[in-house]
Amino acid sequence: MKKPVASLALILAAGLFAASVQAATVTEQIQTTVRTLVTQWNAGNVKAAAATFGDDAQIAGEGMPAAVTGRAAIDKKFAELIDDTGKVQIDVQRVLETGPKSGMAWVLWRVAPKDPKGEPFTVRSLFVFSGRGDGFKIRADSYSVGQY
């Protein structure tokens, strides 16, 4: 009689462990995606930086006359932004896991201007992430200038 109880306990423990690993995986994937974005941005690799965003992603924020949507528009916007800025640092402020393959992250960009005489600035973004056939990507970016 004790063996079935012990077996059940092991199955339940394994399930709880798997659930906790899966939850941590979303946060780790968000951190990895943000690190990749920063690394590729700072290397001037437009295609690789833009590839952290899904093909159907949308970027909208303060000062933009219209949202940028889709691969071609995102690639073009990244080329402009990377050309106009110096190094960036993105700090993940908070992660909210919304499902086994999705989450949101509030991030703070610290941007050095390309012109050494320019002033550094900060931008806050809310990134929405999900994992699909094309991988774990940023699906939306809503931003404004300033800090949290």
Protein backbone atom coordinates (compact mmCIF):
# COMPACT_ATOMS: atom_id res chain seq x y z
CA MET A 1 0.00 0.00 0.00
CA LYS A 2 2.91 2.35 0.65
CA LYS A 3 4.39 1.98 -2.84
CA PRO A 4 1.39 3.54 -4.66
CA VAL A 5 1.42 6.46 -2.20
CA ALA A 6 5.16 6.94 -2.66
CA SER A 7 4.76 6.71 -6.43
CA LEU A 8 1.94 9.26 -6.37
CA ALA A 9 4.06 11.58 -4.24
CA LEU A 10 6.94 11.31 -6.73
CA ILE A 11 4.63 12.01 -9.67
CA LEU A 12 3.16 15.07 -7.92
CA ALA A 13 6.62 16.33 -6.96
CA ALA A 14 7.84 15.88 -10.53
CA GLY A 15 4.81 17.79 -11.82
CA LEU A 16 5.39 20.66 -9.41
CA PHE A 17 9.07 20.76 -10.34
CA ALA A 18 8.23 20.79 -14.05
CA ALA A 19 5.74 23.61 -13.53
CA SER A 20 8.29 25.69 -11.62
CA VAL A 21 10.95 25.06 -14.28
CA GLN A 22 8.51 26.04 -17.01
CA ALA A 23 7.58 29.28 -15.19
CA ALA A 24 11.27 30.14 -14.74
CA THR A 25 11.89 29.38 -18.41
CA VAL A 26 9.65 32.25 -19.54
CA THR A 27 11.60 34.71 -17.39
CA GLU A 28 14.89 33.27 -18.62
CA GLN A 29 13.74 33.52 -22.24
CA ILE A 30 12.74 37.14 -21.70
CA GLN A 31 16.15 37.91 -20.15
CA THR A 32 17.95 36.10 -22.99
CA THR A 33 15.95 37.92 -25.67
CA VAL A 34 16.68 41.30 -24.09
CA ARG A 35 20.40 40.47 -23.77
CA THR A 36 20.46 39.45 -27.44
CA LEU A 37 18.74 42.71 -28.43
CA VAL A 38 21.32 44.77 -26.51
CA THR A 39 24.31 42.80 -27.78
CA GLN A 40 23.23 42.98 -31.41
CA TRP A 41 22.17 46.64 -31.17
CA ASN A 42 25.54 47.63 -29.69
CA ALA A 43 27.35 45.61 -32.38
CA GLY A 44 25.41 47.52 -35.06
CA ASN A 45 23.84 44.30 -36.32
CA VAL A 46 20.48 45.63 -37.49
CA LYS A 47 19.07 42.33 -38.78
CA ALA A 48 19.94 40.35 -35.64
CA ALA A 49 18.67 43.08 -33.30
CA ALA A 50 15.41 43.41 -35.26
CA ALA A 51 15.06 39.61 -35.30
CA THR A 52 14.36 39.69 -31.54
CA PHE A 53 10.96 41.04 -32.63
CA GLY A 54 8.45 38.75 -34.32
CA ASP A 55 7.49 39.24 -37.96
CA ASP A 56 4.06 40.48 -36.85
CA ALA A 57 5.31 42.69 -34.01
CA GLN A 58 4.13 46.24 -33.47
CA ILE A 59 6.14 49.15 -32.06
CA ALA A 60 4.34 52.28 -30.92
CA GLY A 61 5.33 55.11 -28.68
CA GLU A 62 5.70 58.73 -27.81
CA GLY A 63 6.50 60.91 -30.80
CA MET A 64 5.72 58.29 -33.43
CA PRO A 65 3.12 59.47 -35.94
CA ALA A 66 2.05 55.85 -36.54
CA ALA A 67 2.84 52.40 -35.21
CA VAL A 68 5.48 50.32 -36.96
CA THR A 69 4.13 46.88 -37.82
CA GLY A 70 5.63 43.92 -39.65
CA ARG A 71 9.10 42.71 -40.57
CA ALA A 72 9.98 45.22 -43.29
CA ALA A 73 8.88 48.21 -41.22
CA ILE A 74 10.62 46.92 -38.09
CA ASP A 75 13.88 46.31 -39.97
CA LYS A 76 13.72 49.83 -41.42
CA LYS A 77 13.00 51.40 -38.00
CA PHE A 78 15.85 49.46 -36.38
CA ALA A 79 18.26 50.59 -39.11
CA GLU A 80 17.29 54.23 -38.40
CA LEU A 81 17.47 53.87 -34.62
CA ILE A 82 20.77 52.01 -34.52
CA ASP A 83 22.28 54.52 -36.95
CA ASP A 84 21.09 57.44 -34.78
CA THR A 85 22.27 56.17 -31.39
CA GLY A 86 25.37 55.05 -29.58
CA LYS A 87 25.41 52.18 -27.13
CA VAL A 88 22.28 51.08 -25.29
CA GLN A 89 21.68 49.29 -22.04
CA ILE A 90 18.30 47.71 -21.31
CA ASP A 91 17.45 46.81 -17.72
CA VAL A 92 14.52 44.51 -17.12
CA GLN A 93 12.59 46.14 -14.29
CA ARG A 94 9.77 43.62 -13.88
CA VAL A 95 8.57 40.43 -15.57
CA LEU A 96 5.00 39.17 -15.57
CA GLU A 97 4.64 35.62 -16.84
CA THR A 98 1.25 35.36 -18.53
CA GLY A 99 1.41 31.74 -19.70
CA PRO A 100 3.75 28.85 -20.35
CA LYS A 101 5.10 30.55 -23.50
CA SER A 102 4.27 34.20 -22.92
CA GLY A 103 5.04 37.14 -20.71
CA MET A 104 5.54 40.87 -20.43
CA ALA A 105 8.51 42.87 -19.25
CA TRP A 106 8.80 46.47 -18.19
CA VAL A 107 12.24 47.60 -19.29
CA LEU A 108 14.30 50.74 -19.02
CA TRP A 109 16.51 51.71 -21.96
CA ARG A 110 19.58 53.84 -21.21
CA VAL A 111 20.66 55.32 -24.50
CA ALA A 112 23.95 57.04 -25.25
CA PRO A 113 23.68 59.44 -28.17
CA LYS A 114 25.87 58.90 -31.19
CA ASP A 115 27.10 62.48 -30.89
CA PRO A 116 29.52 62.60 -27.92
CA LYS A 117 28.25 66.11 -27.13
CA GLY A 118 24.67 64.85 -26.84
CA GLU A 119 22.92 63.99 -23.60
CA PRO A 120 22.13 60.37 -22.67
CA PHE A 121 18.43 59.65 -22.23
CA THR A 122 16.14 56.96 -20.90
CA VAL A 123 13.13 55.31 -22.46
CA ARG A 124 10.69 53.01 -20.68
CA SER A 125 9.08 50.19 -22.64
CA LEU A 126 6.55 47.50 -22.06
CA PHE A 127 7.55 44.48 -24.14
CA VAL A 128 5.08 41.68 -24.81
CA PHE A 129 6.68 38.29 -25.54
CA SER A 130 5.45 34.96 -26.82
CA GLY A 131 6.88 31.75 -28.14
CA ARG A 132 5.50 30.52 -31.44
CA GLY A 133 6.78 28.70 -34.52
CA ASP A 134 9.29 31.49 -35.17
CA GLY A 135 10.71 31.27 -31.64
CA PHE A 136 10.41 33.32 -28.47
CA LYS A 137 10.09 36.92 -29.65
CA ILE A 138 8.99 40.40 -28.70
CA ARG A 139 5.49 40.83 -30.18
CA ALA A 140 4.81 44.39 -29.06
CA ASP A 141 6.74 47.37 -27.71
CA SER A 142 4.94 50.35 -26.23
CA TYR A 143 7.30 53.07 -25.07
CA SER A 144 7.64 56.61 -23.77
CA VAL A 145 10.55 58.82 -22.78
CA GLY A 146 11.50 58.90 -19.10
CA GLN A 147 11.96 56.58 -16.17
CA TYR A 148 9.65 54.47 -14.01
